[in-house]
Amino acid sequence: MAASVSLPMREPCYVAVGVMTVPHYRNRRDAARQTWMTGSNVGSTVVVRFLIRAGGLHPDVLAEAKREQDEHGDMTFLPVASEHGSPPQRGRVLTLHAWTRRATAVCPTARWVSKADDDVYIVTVDWEAQLRMIAAGREGRAMLHGKVVWHNWNVKHFVPHSFDYSYNPDNWRRVIDYLGGDESRARFPDERRRFELCRTHGARQCEWCPAEAECTGPF
């Protein structure tokens, strides 16, 4: 009679990590696979997926990305427009939204859904331990953890407009006044040059919202 072998049970997934990337950054994905994704909890309590905006990708690019997926099995293709023909900020927001919806299919038992960029290094064991510590005694409560920055949001062009990564109504008001004709609102020469870029390049490339009606915040 053959002896039966008892295999260790794999722990259920606790954290789903979506890594935003683009197809031609294969070198970044491979670097992650060879370094931090070798963590002892990756593939068990921590599940990692590289998020690809697949909408509108050139067929050759999509085919190459699918070959990479066949090789590694760690990529998720989302129905979001690729960077071609779509403002990159729009793609990032929609990718995050799509990942929050898809993550529970990738990791049905996830207590945390995380987002990262493809140039980060995650100490996955410490990250999981930190999240478990935060969640202890707080079951059933929604939590947001990580680096949070605030933006004004251009509602006409769907792009963020920032004040050194912080929401500052005074800065927002000053550039609107400046572009409306009150040049005294620029406090120093460098700021005047930055405000003039808004006049020259328009709302899409301007750091600030050029009109109050076009902006909301914070985001």
N, C-alpha and C. Protein backbone atom coordinates (compact mmCIF):
# COMPACT_ATOMS: atom_id res chain seq x y z
N MET A 1 0.86 -1.19 0.00
CA MET A 1 0.00 0.00 0.00
C MET A 1 0.89 1.23 0.00
N ALA A 2 0.59 2.18 -0.88
CA ALA A 2 1.39 3.40 -0.95
C ALA A 2 1.08 4.30 0.23
N ALA A 3 2.11 4.88 0.77
CA ALA A 3 1.92 5.80 1.89
C ALA A 3 1.38 7.12 1.38
N SER A 4 0.43 7.68 2.11
CA SER A 4 -0.09 8.99 1.73
C SER A 4 0.80 10.09 2.28
N VAL A 5 0.92 11.16 1.52
CA VAL A 5 1.74 12.29 1.92
C VAL A 5 0.83 13.46 2.25
N SER A 6 0.98 14.01 3.42
CA SER A 6 0.16 15.14 3.84
C SER A 6 0.87 16.44 3.48
N LEU A 7 0.27 17.19 2.57
CA LEU A 7 0.86 18.47 2.15
C LEU A 7 0.40 19.58 3.07
N PRO A 8 1.30 20.52 3.37
CA PRO A 8 0.89 21.63 4.24
C PRO A 8 -0.18 22.49 3.57
N MET A 9 -1.15 22.91 4.35
CA MET A 9 -2.22 23.76 3.81
C MET A 9 -1.70 25.18 3.62
N ARG A 10 -2.06 25.76 2.50
CA ARG A 10 -1.64 27.13 2.23
C ARG A 10 -2.59 28.09 2.94
N GLU A 11 -2.02 29.09 3.58
CA GLU A 11 -2.86 30.07 4.28
C GLU A 11 -3.67 30.88 3.29
N PRO A 12 -4.88 31.28 3.67
CA PRO A 12 -5.69 32.08 2.75
C PRO A 12 -5.08 33.47 2.54
N CYS A 13 -5.36 34.03 1.37
CA CYS A 13 -4.84 35.36 1.04
C CYS A 13 -5.40 36.40 2.01
N TYR A 14 -4.55 37.29 2.42
CA TYR A 14 -4.94 38.36 3.35
C TYR A 14 -4.81 39.74 2.69
N VAL A 15 -3.81 39.90 1.82
CA VAL A 15 -3.55 41.19 1.16
C VAL A 15 -3.45 40.98 -0.35
N ALA A 16 -4.21 41.76 -1.11
CA ALA A 16 -4.09 41.77 -2.57
C ALA A 16 -3.36 43.04 -2.98
N VAL A 17 -2.24 42.87 -3.65
CA VAL A 17 -1.42 44.02 -4.06
C VAL A 17 -1.48 44.15 -5.58
N GLY A 18 -2.01 45.25 -6.07
CA GLY A 18 -2.02 45.55 -7.49
C GLY A 18 -0.91 46.53 -7.82
N VAL A 19 -0.04 46.14 -8.74
CA VAL A 19 1.11 46.97 -9.11
C VAL A 19 0.83 47.60 -10.47
N MET A 20 0.66 48.91 -10.50
CA MET A 20 0.40 49.60 -11.76
C MET A 20 1.66 49.60 -12.62
N THR A 21 1.51 49.23 -13.88
CA THR A 21 2.65 49.15 -14.78
C THR A 21 2.16 49.34 -16.21
N VAL A 22 3.09 49.43 -17.14
CA VAL A 22 2.74 49.49 -18.57
C VAL A 22 3.53 48.42 -19.28
N PRO A 23 3.05 47.94 -20.44
CA PRO A 23 3.67 46.77 -21.07
C PRO A 23 5.17 46.88 -21.30
N HIS A 24 5.67 48.05 -21.69
CA HIS A 24 7.09 48.12 -22.05
C HIS A 24 8.02 48.24 -20.83
N TYR A 25 7.48 48.16 -19.62
CA TYR A 25 8.32 48.15 -18.41
C TYR A 25 8.55 46.73 -17.90
N ARG A 26 8.81 45.83 -18.80
CA ARG A 26 9.09 44.43 -18.44
C ARG A 26 10.29 44.35 -17.47
N ASN A 27 11.28 45.22 -17.68
CA ASN A 27 12.47 45.17 -16.80
C ASN A 27 12.10 45.46 -15.34
N ARG A 28 11.14 46.35 -15.12
CA ARG A 28 10.72 46.64 -13.75
C ARG A 28 9.98 45.45 -13.14
N ARG A 29 9.13 44.83 -13.94
CA ARG A 29 8.40 43.68 -13.43
C ARG A 29 9.35 42.53 -13.11
N ASP A 30 10.32 42.30 -13.97
CA ASP A 30 11.28 41.23 -13.72
C ASP A 30 12.12 41.52 -12.48
N ALA A 31 12.47 42.80 -12.28
CA ALA A 31 13.23 43.16 -11.08
C ALA A 31 12.42 42.85 -9.83
N ALA A 32 11.12 43.15 -9.86
CA ALA A 32 10.26 42.84 -8.71
C ALA A 32 10.17 41.33 -8.50
N ARG A 33 10.01 40.58 -9.58
CA ARG A 33 9.89 39.13 -9.47
C ARG A 33 11.15 38.50 -8.86
N GLN A 34 12.28 39.10 -9.15
CA GLN A 34 13.56 38.53 -8.71
C GLN A 34 13.96 39.01 -7.32
N THR A 35 13.26 40.03 -6.79
CA THR A 35 13.65 40.59 -5.49
C THR A 35 12.52 40.47 -4.49
N TRP A 36 11.71 41.50 -4.32
CA TRP A 36 10.76 41.51 -3.22
C TRP A 36 9.63 40.49 -3.39
N MET A 37 9.35 40.08 -4.62
CA MET A 37 8.29 39.09 -4.82
C MET A 37 8.72 37.67 -4.47
N THR A 38 9.97 37.52 -4.04
CA THR A 38 10.42 36.21 -3.53
C THR A 38 10.14 36.08 -2.04
N GLY A 39 9.46 37.07 -1.44
CA GLY A 39 9.12 37.02 -0.03
C GLY A 39 8.34 35.76 0.32
N SER A 40 8.53 35.27 1.52
CA SER A 40 7.96 33.98 1.92
C SER A 40 6.44 33.96 1.90
N ASN A 41 5.79 35.12 2.00
CA ASN A 41 4.32 35.14 2.02
C ASN A 41 3.71 35.48 0.67
N VAL A 42 4.53 35.77 -0.34
CA VAL A 42 4.00 36.09 -1.67
C VAL A 42 3.49 34.80 -2.32
N GLY A 43 2.26 34.84 -2.78
CA GLY A 43 1.64 33.66 -3.35
C GLY A 43 0.79 32.90 -2.35
N SER A 44 0.83 33.33 -1.10
CA SER A 44 -0.04 32.71 -0.09
C SER A 44 -0.88 33.80 0.56
N THR A 45 -0.39 34.39 1.65
CA THR A 45 -1.18 35.43 2.31
C THR A 45 -1.12 36.77 1.58
N VAL A 46 -0.12 36.95 0.75
CA VAL A 46 -0.01 38.17 -0.07
C VAL A 46 -0.02 37.75 -1.54
N VAL A 47 -1.00 38.24 -2.28
CA VAL A 47 -1.10 37.94 -3.71
C VAL A 47 -0.80 39.22 -4.48
N VAL A 48 0.11 39.12 -5.45
CA VAL A 48 0.56 40.28 -6.22
C VAL A 48 0.14 40.11 -7.67
N ARG A 49 -0.41 41.18 -8.25
CA ARG A 49 -0.74 41.19 -9.66
C ARG A 49 -0.26 42.49 -10.30
N PHE A 50 0.38 42.37 -11.46
CA PHE A 50 0.75 43.53 -12.25
C PHE A 50 -0.46 43.94 -13.08
N LEU A 51 -0.84 45.21 -12.99
CA LEU A 51 -2.05 45.71 -13.61
C LEU A 51 -1.73 46.34 -14.96
N ILE A 52 -2.29 45.78 -16.01
CA ILE A 52 -2.06 46.25 -17.37
C ILE A 52 -3.33 46.89 -17.91
N ARG A 53 -3.22 48.13 -18.38
CA ARG A 53 -4.34 48.77 -19.06
C ARG A 53 -4.40 48.21 -20.48
N ALA A 54 -5.37 47.34 -20.72
CA ALA A 54 -5.37 46.58 -21.97
C ALA A 54 -6.22 47.21 -23.07
N GLY A 55 -7.04 48.17 -22.73
CA GLY A 55 -7.92 48.76 -23.74
C GLY A 55 -7.16 49.53 -24.80
N GLY A 56 -7.33 49.12 -26.06
CA GLY A 56 -6.71 49.85 -27.16
C GLY A 56 -5.24 49.57 -27.37
N LEU A 57 -4.68 48.57 -26.70
CA LEU A 57 -3.27 48.25 -26.92
C LEU A 57 -3.06 47.73 -28.35
N HIS A 58 -1.91 48.06 -28.92
CA HIS A 58 -1.57 47.52 -30.23
C HIS A 58 -1.54 45.99 -30.13
N PRO A 59 -2.08 45.28 -31.11
CA PRO A 59 -2.13 43.81 -31.03
C PRO A 59 -0.79 43.15 -30.73
N ASP A 60 0.30 43.69 -31.30
CA ASP A 60 1.62 43.10 -31.05
C ASP A 60 2.03 43.28 -29.59
N VAL A 61 1.73 44.47 -29.02
CA VAL A 61 2.06 44.74 -27.62
C VAL A 61 1.23 43.85 -26.70
N LEU A 62 -0.05 43.71 -27.02
CA LEU A 62 -0.93 42.88 -26.21
C LEU A 62 -0.48 41.42 -26.27
N ALA A 63 -0.09 40.96 -27.45
CA ALA A 63 0.35 39.57 -27.60
C ALA A 63 1.61 39.31 -26.79
N GLU A 64 2.54 40.26 -26.78
CA GLU A 64 3.76 40.10 -26.00
C GLU A 64 3.45 40.07 -24.51
N ALA A 65 2.53 40.93 -24.07
CA ALA A 65 2.15 40.94 -22.66
C ALA A 65 1.48 39.62 -22.27
N LYS A 66 0.69 39.05 -23.16
CA LYS A 66 0.04 37.77 -22.85
C LYS A 66 1.05 36.64 -22.80
N ARG A 67 2.11 36.71 -23.61
CA ARG A 67 3.17 35.71 -23.51
C ARG A 67 3.86 35.79 -22.16
N GLU A 68 4.05 37.02 -21.67
CA GLU A 68 4.64 37.21 -20.34
C GLU A 68 3.71 36.64 -19.27
N GLN A 69 2.41 36.85 -19.44
CA GLN A 69 1.44 36.30 -18.50
C GLN A 69 1.47 34.77 -18.51
N ASP A 70 1.58 34.18 -19.69
CA ASP A 70 1.67 32.72 -19.79
C ASP A 70 2.90 32.20 -19.05
N GLU A 71 3.98 33.00 -19.06
CA GLU A 71 5.22 32.60 -18.41
C GLU A 71 5.16 32.73 -16.90
N HIS A 72 4.53 33.81 -16.41
CA HIS A 72 4.59 34.10 -14.98
C HIS A 72 3.25 33.99 -14.25
N GLY A 73 2.14 34.21 -14.95
CA GLY A 73 0.83 34.09 -14.31
C GLY A 73 0.55 35.12 -13.24
N ASP A 74 1.18 36.29 -13.32
CA ASP A 74 1.01 37.29 -12.26
C ASP A 74 0.53 38.64 -12.79
N MET A 75 -0.14 38.63 -13.95
CA MET A 75 -0.60 39.87 -14.56
C MET A 75 -2.12 39.86 -14.67
N THR A 76 -2.71 41.04 -14.51
CA THR A 76 -4.15 41.20 -14.66
C THR A 76 -4.41 42.26 -15.72
N PHE A 77 -5.18 41.90 -16.73
CA PHE A 77 -5.49 42.81 -17.83
C PHE A 77 -6.83 43.48 -17.54
N LEU A 78 -6.82 44.79 -17.48
CA LEU A 78 -8.01 45.54 -17.09
C LEU A 78 -8.61 46.26 -18.29
N PRO A 79 -9.94 46.39 -18.32
CA PRO A 79 -10.61 47.07 -19.44
C PRO A 79 -10.52 48.59 -19.30
N VAL A 80 -9.30 49.08 -19.27
CA VAL A 80 -9.03 50.51 -19.14
C VAL A 80 -8.18 50.92 -20.33
N ALA A 81 -8.42 52.11 -20.89
CA ALA A 81 -7.67 52.56 -22.05
C ALA A 81 -6.19 52.62 -21.74
N SER A 82 -5.37 52.16 -22.67
CA SER A 82 -3.93 52.23 -22.52
C SER A 82 -3.49 53.68 -22.54
N GLU A 83 -2.18 53.91 -22.31
CA GLU A 83 -1.70 55.30 -22.23
C GLU A 83 -1.79 56.02 -23.56
N HIS A 84 -1.99 55.29 -24.64
CA HIS A 84 -2.07 55.92 -25.96
C HIS A 84 -3.46 56.49 -26.17
N GLY A 85 -3.54 57.79 -26.40
CA GLY A 85 -4.82 58.42 -26.68
C GLY A 85 -5.66 58.72 -25.46
N SER A 86 -5.08 58.56 -24.27
CA SER A 86 -5.83 58.85 -23.04
C SER A 86 -4.89 59.52 -22.06
N PRO A 87 -5.32 60.60 -21.38
CA PRO A 87 -4.45 61.23 -20.39
C PRO A 87 -4.00 60.22 -19.35
N PRO A 88 -2.69 60.16 -19.06
CA PRO A 88 -2.19 59.14 -18.13
C PRO A 88 -2.83 59.21 -16.76
N GLN A 89 -3.16 60.42 -16.28
CA GLN A 89 -3.79 60.53 -14.96
C GLN A 89 -5.15 59.85 -14.96
N ARG A 90 -5.88 59.99 -16.05
CA ARG A 90 -7.19 59.33 -16.14
C ARG A 90 -7.02 57.83 -16.05
N GLY A 91 -6.02 57.30 -16.76
CA GLY A 91 -5.77 55.87 -16.73
C GLY A 91 -5.44 55.37 -15.35
N ARG A 92 -4.68 56.14 -14.58
CA ARG A 92 -4.31 55.71 -13.24
C ARG A 92 -5.53 55.63 -12.32
N VAL A 93 -6.39 56.61 -12.42
CA VAL A 93 -7.58 56.62 -11.57
C VAL A 93 -8.50 55.46 -11.94
N LEU A 94 -8.72 55.25 -13.24
CA LEU A 94 -9.61 54.18 -13.66
C LEU A 94 -8.99 52.81 -13.39
N THR A 95 -7.66 52.72 -13.47
CA THR A 95 -7.00 51.45 -13.14
C THR A 95 -7.19 51.12 -11.66
N LEU A 96 -7.04 52.13 -10.81
CA LEU A 96 -7.25 51.90 -9.37
C LEU A 96 -8.69 51.45 -9.11
N HIS A 97 -9.63 52.10 -9.77
CA HIS A 97 -11.04 51.73 -9.60
C HIS A 97 -11.28 50.29 -10.07
N ALA A 98 -10.73 49.95 -11.24
CA ALA A 98 -10.93 48.60 -11.78
C ALA A 98 -10.27 47.55 -10.89
N TRP A 99 -9.11 47.88 -10.32
CA TRP A 99 -8.43 46.92 -9.45
C TRP A 99 -9.22 46.67 -8.17
N THR A 100 -9.80 47.71 -7.59
CA THR A 100 -10.58 47.50 -6.36
C THR A 100 -11.76 46.58 -6.62
N ARG A 101 -12.27 46.58 -7.84
CA ARG A 101 -13.38 45.70 -8.19
C ARG A 101 -12.89 44.28 -8.49
N ARG A 102 -11.72 44.17 -9.10
CA ARG A 102 -11.19 42.87 -9.52
C ARG A 102 -10.48 42.14 -8.39
N ALA A 103 -9.97 42.87 -7.41
CA ALA A 103 -9.11 42.28 -6.39
C ALA A 103 -9.79 41.14 -5.64
N THR A 104 -11.08 41.26 -5.39
CA THR A 104 -11.76 40.21 -4.62
C THR A 104 -11.90 38.93 -5.42
N ALA A 105 -11.82 39.00 -6.75
CA ALA A 105 -11.81 37.78 -7.56
C ALA A 105 -10.43 37.13 -7.51
N VAL A 106 -9.39 37.97 -7.48
CA VAL A 106 -8.03 37.46 -7.40
C VAL A 106 -7.74 36.89 -6.02
N CYS A 107 -8.28 37.54 -5.01
CA CYS A 107 -8.01 37.17 -3.61
C CYS A 107 -9.32 37.27 -2.83
N PRO A 108 -10.17 36.24 -2.91
CA PRO A 108 -11.51 36.32 -2.31
C PRO A 108 -11.51 36.58 -0.81
N THR A 109 -10.45 36.19 -0.11
CA THR A 109 -10.43 36.35 1.35
C THR A 109 -9.68 37.61 1.78
N ALA A 110 -9.35 38.49 0.82
CA ALA A 110 -8.54 39.67 1.13
C ALA A 110 -9.22 40.55 2.16
N ARG A 111 -8.46 40.97 3.17
CA ARG A 111 -8.91 41.97 4.12
C ARG A 111 -8.39 43.35 3.72
N TRP A 112 -7.35 43.37 2.89
CA TRP A 112 -6.77 44.62 2.43
C TRP A 112 -6.56 44.55 0.91
N VAL A 113 -6.87 45.64 0.23
CA VAL A 113 -6.57 45.79 -1.20
C VAL A 113 -5.58 46.94 -1.32
N SER A 114 -4.41 46.65 -1.86
CA SER A 114 -3.33 47.64 -1.92
C SER A 114 -3.01 47.99 -3.36
N LYS A 115 -2.46 49.18 -3.52
CA LYS A 115 -2.00 49.65 -4.83
C LYS A 115 -0.55 50.10 -4.69
N ALA A 116 0.27 49.74 -5.68
CA ALA A 116 1.67 50.17 -5.69
C ALA A 116 2.06 50.52 -7.12
N ASP A 117 3.16 51.24 -7.26
CA ASP A 117 3.74 51.50 -8.58
C ASP A 117 4.82 50.45 -8.85
N ASP A 118 5.26 50.36 -10.10
CA ASP A 118 6.19 49.29 -10.46
C ASP A 118 7.65 49.63 -10.17
N ASP A 119 7.89 50.77 -9.51
CA ASP A 119 9.27 51.11 -9.13
C ASP A 119 9.45 51.08 -7.61
N VAL A 120 8.56 50.36 -6.91
CA VAL A 120 8.67 50.27 -5.45
C VAL A 120 9.31 48.95 -5.04
N TYR A 121 9.79 48.92 -3.80
CA TYR A 121 10.28 47.68 -3.20
C TYR A 121 9.46 47.46 -1.94
N ILE A 122 8.75 46.35 -1.86
CA ILE A 122 7.87 46.08 -0.74
C ILE A 122 8.47 44.96 0.11
N VAL A 123 8.64 45.22 1.38
CA VAL A 123 9.03 44.15 2.30
C VAL A 123 7.73 43.48 2.72
N THR A 124 7.36 42.44 2.00
CA THR A 124 6.00 41.92 2.08
C THR A 124 5.66 41.36 3.46
N VAL A 125 6.62 40.72 4.12
CA VAL A 125 6.33 40.16 5.45
C VAL A 125 6.03 41.28 6.43
N ASP A 126 6.84 42.34 6.40
CA ASP A 126 6.61 43.47 7.30
C ASP A 126 5.31 44.20 6.95
N TRP A 127 5.02 44.32 5.65
CA TRP A 127 3.80 45.01 5.21
C TRP A 127 2.57 44.27 5.71
N GLU A 128 2.57 42.94 5.56
CA GLU A 128 1.44 42.17 6.05
C GLU A 128 1.31 42.29 7.57
N ALA A 129 2.44 42.21 8.28
CA ALA A 129 2.40 42.30 9.74
C ALA A 129 1.85 43.65 10.19
N GLN A 130 2.23 44.72 9.48
CA GLN A 130 1.74 46.05 9.82
C GLN A 130 0.24 46.15 9.61
N LEU A 131 -0.24 45.60 8.50
CA LEU A 131 -1.68 45.65 8.22
C LEU A 131 -2.47 44.82 9.24
N ARG A 132 -1.93 43.67 9.63
CA ARG A 132 -2.62 42.86 10.64
C ARG A 132 -2.67 43.58 11.99
N MET A 133 -1.61 44.29 12.31
CA MET A 133 -1.59 45.02 13.57
C MET A 133 -2.62 46.15 13.55
N ILE A 134 -2.70 46.87 12.42
CA ILE A 134 -3.67 47.96 12.30
C ILE A 134 -5.10 47.44 12.39
N ALA A 135 -5.34 46.29 11.76
CA ALA A 135 -6.70 45.76 11.70
C ALA A 135 -7.14 45.09 12.99
N ALA A 136 -6.20 44.76 13.86
CA ALA A 136 -6.55 44.03 15.09
C ALA A 136 -7.61 44.80 15.89
N GLY A 137 -8.70 44.16 16.16
CA GLY A 137 -9.76 44.79 16.94
C GLY A 137 -10.62 45.75 16.16
N ARG A 138 -10.42 45.82 14.85
CA ARG A 138 -11.19 46.78 14.04
C ARG A 138 -11.94 46.07 12.91
N GLU A 139 -12.31 44.83 13.11
CA GLU A 139 -13.01 44.07 12.07
C GLU A 139 -14.30 44.79 11.68
N GLY A 140 -14.55 44.80 10.39
CA GLY A 140 -15.78 45.40 9.90
C GLY A 140 -15.70 46.89 9.66
N ARG A 141 -14.55 47.50 9.99
CA ARG A 141 -14.40 48.94 9.77
C ARG A 141 -13.56 49.18 8.53
N ALA A 142 -13.96 50.16 7.73
CA ALA A 142 -13.18 50.52 6.54
C ALA A 142 -12.02 51.40 6.95
N MET A 143 -10.84 51.11 6.38
CA MET A 143 -9.65 51.88 6.72
C MET A 143 -8.86 52.18 5.47
N LEU A 144 -8.20 53.33 5.48
CA LEU A 144 -7.28 53.73 4.41
C LEU A 144 -5.92 53.94 5.04
N HIS A 145 -4.91 53.24 4.54
CA HIS A 145 -3.58 53.29 5.15
C HIS A 145 -2.54 53.48 4.06
N GLY A 146 -1.61 54.38 4.29
CA GLY A 146 -0.53 54.61 3.34
C GLY A 146 -0.27 56.08 3.17
N LYS A 147 0.48 56.42 2.15
CA LYS A 147 0.78 57.82 1.85
C LYS A 147 -0.39 58.41 1.08
N VAL A 148 -0.99 59.44 1.63
CA VAL A 148 -2.13 60.08 0.99
C VAL A 148 -1.77 61.52 0.68
N VAL A 149 -1.89 61.92 -0.58
CA VAL A 149 -1.64 63.31 -0.96
C VAL A 149 -2.93 63.88 -1.57
N TRP A 150 -3.05 65.19 -1.51
CA TRP A 150 -4.27 65.85 -1.95
C TRP A 150 -4.02 66.62 -3.24
N HIS A 151 -4.99 66.63 -4.12
CA HIS A 151 -4.92 67.38 -5.37
C HIS A 151 -6.19 68.20 -5.55
N ASN A 152 -6.04 69.30 -6.28
CA ASN A 152 -7.22 69.85 -6.93
C ASN A 152 -7.47 68.98 -8.15
N TRP A 153 -8.69 68.97 -8.63
CA TRP A 153 -9.04 68.10 -9.75
C TRP A 153 -9.74 68.91 -10.83
N ASN A 154 -9.17 68.89 -12.03
CA ASN A 154 -9.77 69.60 -13.15
C ASN A 154 -10.92 68.78 -13.70
N VAL A 155 -12.13 69.27 -13.52
CA VAL A 155 -13.32 68.49 -13.87
C VAL A 155 -13.61 68.50 -15.37
N LYS A 156 -12.96 69.38 -16.12
CA LYS A 156 -13.17 69.41 -17.57
C LYS A 156 -12.18 68.52 -18.31
N HIS A 157 -10.96 68.41 -17.78
CA HIS A 157 -9.93 67.64 -18.48
C HIS A 157 -9.54 66.37 -17.75
N PHE A 158 -10.12 66.11 -16.58
CA PHE A 158 -9.91 64.86 -15.84
C PHE A 158 -8.44 64.65 -15.48
N VAL A 159 -7.78 65.73 -15.05
CA VAL A 159 -6.38 65.62 -14.62
C VAL A 159 -6.22 66.32 -13.28
N PRO A 160 -5.26 65.87 -12.45
CA PRO A 160 -5.03 66.53 -11.17
C PRO A 160 -4.20 67.79 -11.34
N HIS A 161 -4.45 68.77 -10.49
CA HIS A 161 -3.66 69.99 -10.44
C HIS A 161 -3.22 70.17 -9.00
N SER A 162 -1.92 70.29 -8.78
CA SER A 162 -1.38 70.20 -7.42
C SER A 162 -0.69 71.47 -6.99
N PHE A 163 -0.59 71.63 -5.67
CA PHE A 163 0.22 72.67 -5.06
C PHE A 163 1.27 71.96 -4.23
N ASP A 164 2.34 71.56 -4.86
CA ASP A 164 3.38 70.80 -4.16
C ASP A 164 2.77 69.66 -3.36
N TYR A 165 1.86 68.94 -4.01
CA TYR A 165 1.22 67.76 -3.45
C TYR A 165 0.36 68.05 -2.22
N SER A 166 -0.19 69.24 -2.16
CA SER A 166 -1.12 69.52 -1.07
C SER A 166 -2.25 70.40 -1.60
N TYR A 167 -3.41 70.23 -1.00
CA TYR A 167 -4.56 71.05 -1.38
C TYR A 167 -4.48 72.37 -0.63
N ASN A 168 -4.35 73.46 -1.36
CA ASN A 168 -4.19 74.77 -0.75
C ASN A 168 -5.12 75.76 -1.45
N PRO A 169 -6.27 76.06 -0.86
CA PRO A 169 -7.23 76.95 -1.51
C PRO A 169 -6.65 78.33 -1.81
N ASP A 170 -5.70 78.82 -0.97
CA ASP A 170 -5.13 80.14 -1.21
C ASP A 170 -4.32 80.15 -2.51
N ASN A 171 -3.50 79.11 -2.73
CA ASN A 171 -2.73 79.03 -3.98
C ASN A 171 -3.66 78.92 -5.19
N TRP A 172 -4.69 78.13 -5.04
CA TRP A 172 -5.67 77.96 -6.11
C TRP A 172 -6.30 79.31 -6.46
N ARG A 173 -6.70 80.07 -5.43
CA ARG A 173 -7.35 81.35 -5.66
C ARG A 173 -6.39 82.36 -6.30
N ARG A 174 -5.12 82.33 -5.87
CA ARG A 174 -4.17 83.31 -6.38
C ARG A 174 -3.89 83.14 -7.87
N VAL A 175 -3.73 81.91 -8.32
CA VAL A 175 -3.44 81.74 -9.75
C VAL A 175 -4.65 82.11 -10.59
N ILE A 176 -5.86 81.83 -10.10
CA ILE A 176 -7.06 82.23 -10.83
C ILE A 176 -7.13 83.76 -10.93
N ASP A 177 -6.84 84.44 -9.81
CA ASP A 177 -6.84 85.91 -9.84
C ASP A 177 -5.77 86.44 -10.77
N TYR A 178 -4.58 85.81 -10.74
CA TYR A 178 -3.48 86.25 -11.60
C TYR A 178 -3.86 86.14 -13.07
N LEU A 179 -4.40 85.00 -13.45
CA LEU A 179 -4.77 84.81 -14.84
C LEU A 179 -5.96 85.68 -15.23
N GLY A 180 -6.70 86.16 -14.21
CA GLY A 180 -7.79 87.08 -14.48
C GLY A 180 -7.35 88.53 -14.60
N GLY A 181 -6.04 88.80 -14.41
CA GLY A 181 -5.51 90.15 -14.61
C GLY A 181 -4.83 90.76 -13.41
N ASP A 182 -4.92 90.17 -12.22
CA ASP A 182 -4.30 90.74 -11.02
C ASP A 182 -2.90 90.15 -10.86
N GLU A 183 -1.90 90.77 -11.53
CA GLU A 183 -0.54 90.24 -11.52
C GLU A 183 0.13 90.36 -10.15
N SER A 184 -0.44 91.16 -9.25
CA SER A 184 0.14 91.29 -7.91
C SER A 184 -0.01 90.00 -7.11
N ARG A 185 -0.84 89.07 -7.59
CA ARG A 185 -1.07 87.82 -6.87
C ARG A 185 0.12 86.87 -6.96
N ALA A 186 1.04 87.08 -7.89
CA ALA A 186 2.27 86.30 -7.94
C ALA A 186 3.24 86.87 -6.92
N ARG A 187 3.65 86.09 -5.95
CA ARG A 187 4.41 86.59 -4.81
C ARG A 187 5.89 86.78 -5.10
N PHE A 188 6.43 86.09 -6.09
CA PHE A 188 7.85 86.20 -6.40
C PHE A 188 8.06 85.82 -7.86
N PRO A 189 9.22 86.19 -8.46
CA PRO A 189 9.42 86.00 -9.91
C PRO A 189 9.24 84.56 -10.38
N ASP A 190 9.73 83.59 -9.59
CA ASP A 190 9.60 82.20 -10.04
C ASP A 190 8.13 81.79 -10.10
N GLU A 191 7.35 82.27 -9.14
CA GLU A 191 5.93 81.95 -9.15
C GLU A 191 5.25 82.60 -10.35
N ARG A 192 5.67 83.82 -10.68
CA ARG A 192 5.11 84.49 -11.85
C ARG A 192 5.37 83.66 -13.11
N ARG A 193 6.59 83.13 -13.23
CA ARG A 193 6.92 82.31 -14.40
C ARG A 193 6.06 81.05 -14.46
N ARG A 194 5.81 80.46 -13.30
CA ARG A 194 4.99 79.25 -13.25
C ARG A 194 3.54 79.57 -13.60
N PHE A 195 3.06 80.72 -13.12
CA PHE A 195 1.69 81.11 -13.47
C PHE A 195 1.56 81.37 -14.97
N GLU A 196 2.61 81.96 -15.56
CA GLU A 196 2.56 82.28 -16.98
C GLU A 196 2.50 81.01 -17.83
N LEU A 197 3.06 79.92 -17.31
CA LEU A 197 2.97 78.66 -18.04
C LEU A 197 1.51 78.26 -18.22
N CYS A 198 0.67 78.60 -17.26
CA CYS A 198 -0.75 78.29 -17.37
C CYS A 198 -1.37 79.06 -18.53
N ARG A 199 -0.95 80.31 -18.65
CA ARG A 199 -1.49 81.14 -19.72
C ARG A 199 -1.00 80.64 -21.08
N THR A 200 0.25 80.16 -21.12
CA THR A 200 0.86 79.74 -22.38
C THR A 200 0.36 78.38 -22.83
N HIS A 201 0.30 77.44 -21.90
CA HIS A 201 0.03 76.05 -22.27
C HIS A 201 -1.40 75.61 -22.03
N GLY A 202 -2.17 76.38 -21.29
CA GLY A 202 -3.56 76.02 -21.07
C GLY A 202 -3.74 75.03 -19.93
N ALA A 203 -4.99 74.68 -19.69
CA ALA A 203 -5.35 73.90 -18.51
C ALA A 203 -4.74 72.51 -18.49
N ARG A 204 -4.60 71.88 -19.64
CA ARG A 204 -4.17 70.49 -19.66
C ARG A 204 -2.76 70.33 -19.11
N GLN A 205 -1.86 71.31 -19.36
CA GLN A 205 -0.48 71.20 -18.90
C GLN A 205 -0.16 72.12 -17.73
N CYS A 206 -1.16 72.83 -17.26
CA CYS A 206 -0.93 73.78 -16.17
C CYS A 206 -0.95 73.07 -14.83
N GLU A 207 -0.09 73.48 -13.92
CA GLU A 207 -0.06 72.87 -12.59
C GLU A 207 -1.28 73.26 -11.78
N TRP A 208 -1.85 74.42 -12.07
CA TRP A 208 -3.02 74.90 -11.33
C TRP A 208 -4.24 74.95 -12.23
N CYS A 209 -5.40 75.09 -11.63
CA CYS A 209 -6.62 75.28 -12.41
C CYS A 209 -6.72 76.74 -12.82
N PRO A 210 -6.87 77.02 -14.11
CA PRO A 210 -6.88 78.41 -14.57
C PRO A 210 -8.22 79.10 -14.39
N ALA A 211 -9.26 78.37 -14.00
CA ALA A 211 -10.57 78.98 -13.78
C ALA A 211 -11.27 78.22 -12.68
N GLU A 212 -11.94 78.93 -11.81
CA GLU A 212 -12.59 78.31 -10.67
C GLU A 212 -13.64 77.28 -11.09
N ALA A 213 -14.33 77.57 -12.20
CA ALA A 213 -15.38 76.66 -12.66
C ALA A 213 -14.83 75.33 -13.14
N GLU A 214 -13.52 75.28 -13.42
CA GLU A 214 -12.93 74.05 -13.96
C GLU A 214 -12.36 73.15 -12.86
N CYS A 215 -12.37 73.60 -11.63
CA CYS A 215 -11.63 72.87 -10.61
C CYS A 215 -12.48 72.53 -9.39
N THR A 216 -12.20 71.39 -8.82
CA THR A 216 -12.79 71.01 -7.55
C THR A 216 -11.67 70.42 -6.69
N GLY A 217 -11.92 70.25 -5.41
CA GLY A 217 -10.87 69.70 -4.56
C GLY A 217 -11.31 69.67 -3.11
N PRO A 218 -10.57 69.01 -2.24
CA PRO A 218 -9.40 68.22 -2.65
C PRO A 218 -9.79 66.85 -3.16
N PHE A 219 -8.91 66.24 -3.92
CA PHE A 219 -9.10 64.87 -4.39
C PHE A 219 -7.97 64.05 -3.83
